[in-house]
Amino acid sequence: MTEADVVSELVEFTNILLAGVGLIFSIVSAYVVALNYFIGQSNFIARFASFAFMTLVLGLLIMVMLGAQDAHIGLIARLRELEAQRQLTAAGRAFLFNSTPEWVGLITRHRYSIDDIVRTCVWVGLGFVYFGLLYLTFLHRWTADVINVAIEGQKGRK
């Protein structure tokens, strides 16, 4: 694989990551709306089934993200091989810099790369979302938040 191929794949990886995060936001938003209008007042079995389905969908996204994470690690390894052969241009070095541990954790004193920080933020965020949905599905007391909307013609307005 040439450097151009690797860089192209890393750019595509970033696009897929952002699309995945957007997809998670969309799915979670739709689920919260469904909780507000339908699922929140349902019996336990319906809420359990809805949460199980949400778990399945998020689990599928997690599996895709794990596969993408492994592919990303492989692409970075290829850039390191090219660097060892002194065949890396500035673009390749920039992508390689993102995976180089430059940041020191305040608590752990462990060194982190930009890629590590992004990966950690995605996983921690997904964990918070999942446990938030668990709370909203089973513990939160939902009340119907229905706004009455009436459609009137021009004659009805004053």
Protein backbone atom coordinates (compact mmCIF):
# COMPACT_ATOMS: atom_id res chain seq x y z
CA MET A 1 0.00 0.00 0.00
CA THR A 2 1.44 3.37 -0.97
CA GLU A 3 1.39 6.43 1.24
CA ALA A 4 -1.28 8.00 -0.97
CA ASP A 5 -3.50 4.95 -0.44
CA VAL A 6 -2.97 5.04 3.33
CA VAL A 7 -3.64 8.78 3.59
CA SER A 8 -6.77 8.42 1.47
CA GLU A 9 -8.02 5.60 3.71
CA LEU A 10 -7.29 7.62 6.86
CA VAL A 11 -9.29 10.56 5.50
CA GLU A 12 -12.13 8.17 4.70
CA PHE A 13 -11.82 6.72 8.21
CA THR A 14 -12.33 10.21 9.65
CA ASN A 15 -15.40 10.69 7.47
CA ILE A 16 -16.82 7.35 8.60
CA LEU A 17 -16.15 8.19 12.25
CA LEU A 18 -17.99 11.50 11.96
CA ALA A 19 -20.87 9.85 10.10
CA GLY A 20 -21.05 7.19 12.83
CA VAL A 21 -21.20 9.80 15.57
CA GLY A 22 -23.93 11.63 13.66
CA LEU A 23 -25.83 8.37 13.22
CA ILE A 24 -25.61 7.68 16.96
CA PHE A 25 -27.02 11.15 17.68
CA SER A 26 -29.87 10.56 15.24
CA ILE A 27 -30.76 7.15 16.66
CA VAL A 28 -30.59 8.35 20.25
CA SER A 29 -32.66 11.44 19.48
CA ALA A 30 -35.37 9.35 17.82
CA TYR A 31 -35.37 6.98 20.79
CA VAL A 32 -35.75 9.83 23.30
CA VAL A 33 -38.65 11.24 21.28
CA ALA A 34 -40.24 7.78 21.25
CA LEU A 35 -39.72 7.58 25.02
CA ASN A 36 -41.46 10.89 25.46
CA TYR A 37 -44.48 10.06 23.34
CA PHE A 38 -44.87 6.27 23.38
CA ILE A 39 -42.45 4.09 25.28
CA GLY A 40 -42.28 6.09 28.51
CA GLN A 41 -45.90 5.29 29.39
CA SER A 42 -45.69 1.67 28.20
CA ASN A 43 -45.51 -1.40 30.39
CA PHE A 44 -42.21 -2.98 31.41
CA ILE A 45 -42.20 -5.57 28.63
CA ALA A 46 -42.56 -2.91 25.93
CA ARG A 47 -39.84 -0.75 27.50
CA PHE A 48 -37.57 -3.78 27.84
CA ALA A 49 -38.12 -4.76 24.20
CA SER A 50 -37.44 -1.18 23.04
CA PHE A 51 -34.27 -0.98 25.12
CA ALA A 52 -33.15 -4.41 23.86
CA PHE A 53 -33.61 -3.21 20.28
CA MET A 54 -31.65 -0.02 21.07
CA THR A 55 -28.93 -2.17 22.63
CA LEU A 56 -28.81 -4.29 19.47
CA VAL A 57 -28.48 -1.22 17.24
CA LEU A 58 -25.81 0.39 19.40
CA GLY A 59 -24.04 -2.98 19.70
CA LEU A 60 -23.93 -3.22 15.92
CA LEU A 61 -22.41 0.26 15.74
CA ILE A 62 -19.87 -0.72 18.40
CA MET A 63 -18.81 -3.76 16.36
CA VAL A 64 -18.37 -1.59 13.27
CA MET A 65 -16.35 0.91 15.32
CA LEU A 66 -14.13 -1.87 16.72
CA GLY A 67 -13.43 -3.09 13.20
CA ALA A 68 -12.69 0.44 12.03
CA GLN A 69 -10.40 0.95 15.02
CA ASP A 70 -8.39 -2.15 14.06
CA ALA A 71 -8.19 -0.97 10.44
CA HIS A 72 -7.00 2.43 11.65
CA ILE A 73 -4.26 0.81 13.73
CA GLY A 74 -3.16 -1.16 10.66
CA LEU A 75 -3.04 1.97 8.51
CA ILE A 76 -0.91 3.76 11.09
CA ALA A 77 1.41 0.73 11.25
CA ARG A 78 1.82 0.99 7.46
CA LEU A 79 2.74 4.66 7.82
CA ARG A 80 5.37 3.67 10.40
CA GLU A 81 6.78 1.13 7.92
CA LEU A 82 6.99 3.82 5.25
CA GLU A 83 8.64 6.17 7.72
CA ALA A 84 11.27 3.54 8.54
CA GLN A 85 11.99 3.30 4.79
CA ARG A 86 12.18 7.12 4.63
CA GLN A 87 9.38 7.22 2.05
CA LEU A 88 6.99 9.43 4.03
CA THR A 89 5.97 12.88 2.79
CA ALA A 90 4.64 15.75 4.88
CA ALA A 91 1.04 14.52 4.57
CA GLY A 92 1.95 11.09 5.89
CA ARG A 93 3.99 12.60 8.73
CA ALA A 94 1.00 14.75 9.71
CA PHE A 95 -1.23 11.68 10.03
CA LEU A 96 1.51 9.84 11.87
CA PHE A 97 1.86 12.77 14.27
CA ASN A 98 -1.83 12.37 15.25
CA SER A 99 -1.04 8.86 16.46
CA THR A 100 2.16 9.81 18.29
CA PRO A 101 1.69 10.08 22.08
CA GLU A 102 2.42 13.75 22.80
CA TRP A 103 -0.16 14.60 25.44
CA VAL A 104 0.34 13.67 29.10
CA GLY A 105 -2.70 12.73 31.18
CA LEU A 106 -3.13 14.88 34.28
CA ILE A 107 -4.16 12.00 36.53
CA THR A 108 -2.53 8.95 34.98
CA ARG A 109 0.64 10.66 33.67
CA HIS A 110 0.24 8.28 30.72
CA ARG A 111 1.06 9.67 27.28
CA TYR A 112 -1.83 9.96 24.78
CA SER A 113 -2.03 10.72 21.10
CA ILE A 114 -4.74 12.77 19.44
CA ASP A 115 -6.14 9.51 18.07
CA ASP A 116 -6.23 8.05 21.60
CA ILE A 117 -8.06 11.10 22.92
CA VAL A 118 -10.66 11.02 20.13
CA ARG A 119 -11.15 7.26 20.59
CA THR A 120 -11.53 7.67 24.37
CA CYS A 121 -14.03 10.51 23.97
CA VAL A 122 -16.15 8.43 21.59
CA TRP A 123 -16.18 5.39 23.92
CA VAL A 124 -16.84 7.41 27.09
CA GLY A 125 -19.56 9.40 25.32
CA LEU A 126 -21.19 6.22 24.06
CA GLY A 127 -21.09 4.79 27.59
CA PHE A 128 -22.76 7.87 29.05
CA VAL A 129 -25.41 7.81 26.34
CA TYR A 130 -26.14 4.13 26.93
CA PHE A 131 -26.51 4.51 30.70
CA GLY A 132 -28.55 7.67 30.18
CA LEU A 133 -30.92 5.74 27.94
CA LEU A 134 -31.07 2.97 30.55
CA TYR A 135 -32.14 5.52 33.15
CA LEU A 136 -34.62 7.23 30.84
CA THR A 137 -36.17 3.93 29.80
CA PHE A 138 -36.61 2.25 33.19
CA LEU A 139 -36.32 4.83 36.00
CA HIS A 140 -37.49 8.20 34.70
CA ARG A 141 -41.18 9.02 35.20
CA TRP A 142 -42.42 10.16 31.81
CA THR A 143 -45.44 12.38 31.46
CA ALA A 144 -47.02 13.05 28.11
CA ASP A 145 -45.66 16.24 26.63
CA VAL A 146 -48.23 16.76 23.94
CA ILE A 147 -48.81 20.14 22.37
CA ASN A 148 -52.30 20.55 20.98
CA VAL A 149 -52.13 21.87 17.47
CA ALA A 150 -55.22 23.03 15.63
CA ILE A 151 -55.18 23.87 11.96
CA GLU A 152 -57.46 26.75 11.14
CA GLY A 153 -58.28 28.35 7.88
CA GLN A 154 -58.00 32.08 7.20
CA LYS A 155 -61.59 32.67 8.27
CA GLY A 156 -60.88 31.45 11.80
CA ARG A 157 -58.15 34.04 12.42
CA LYS A 158 -58.88 37.48 13.79
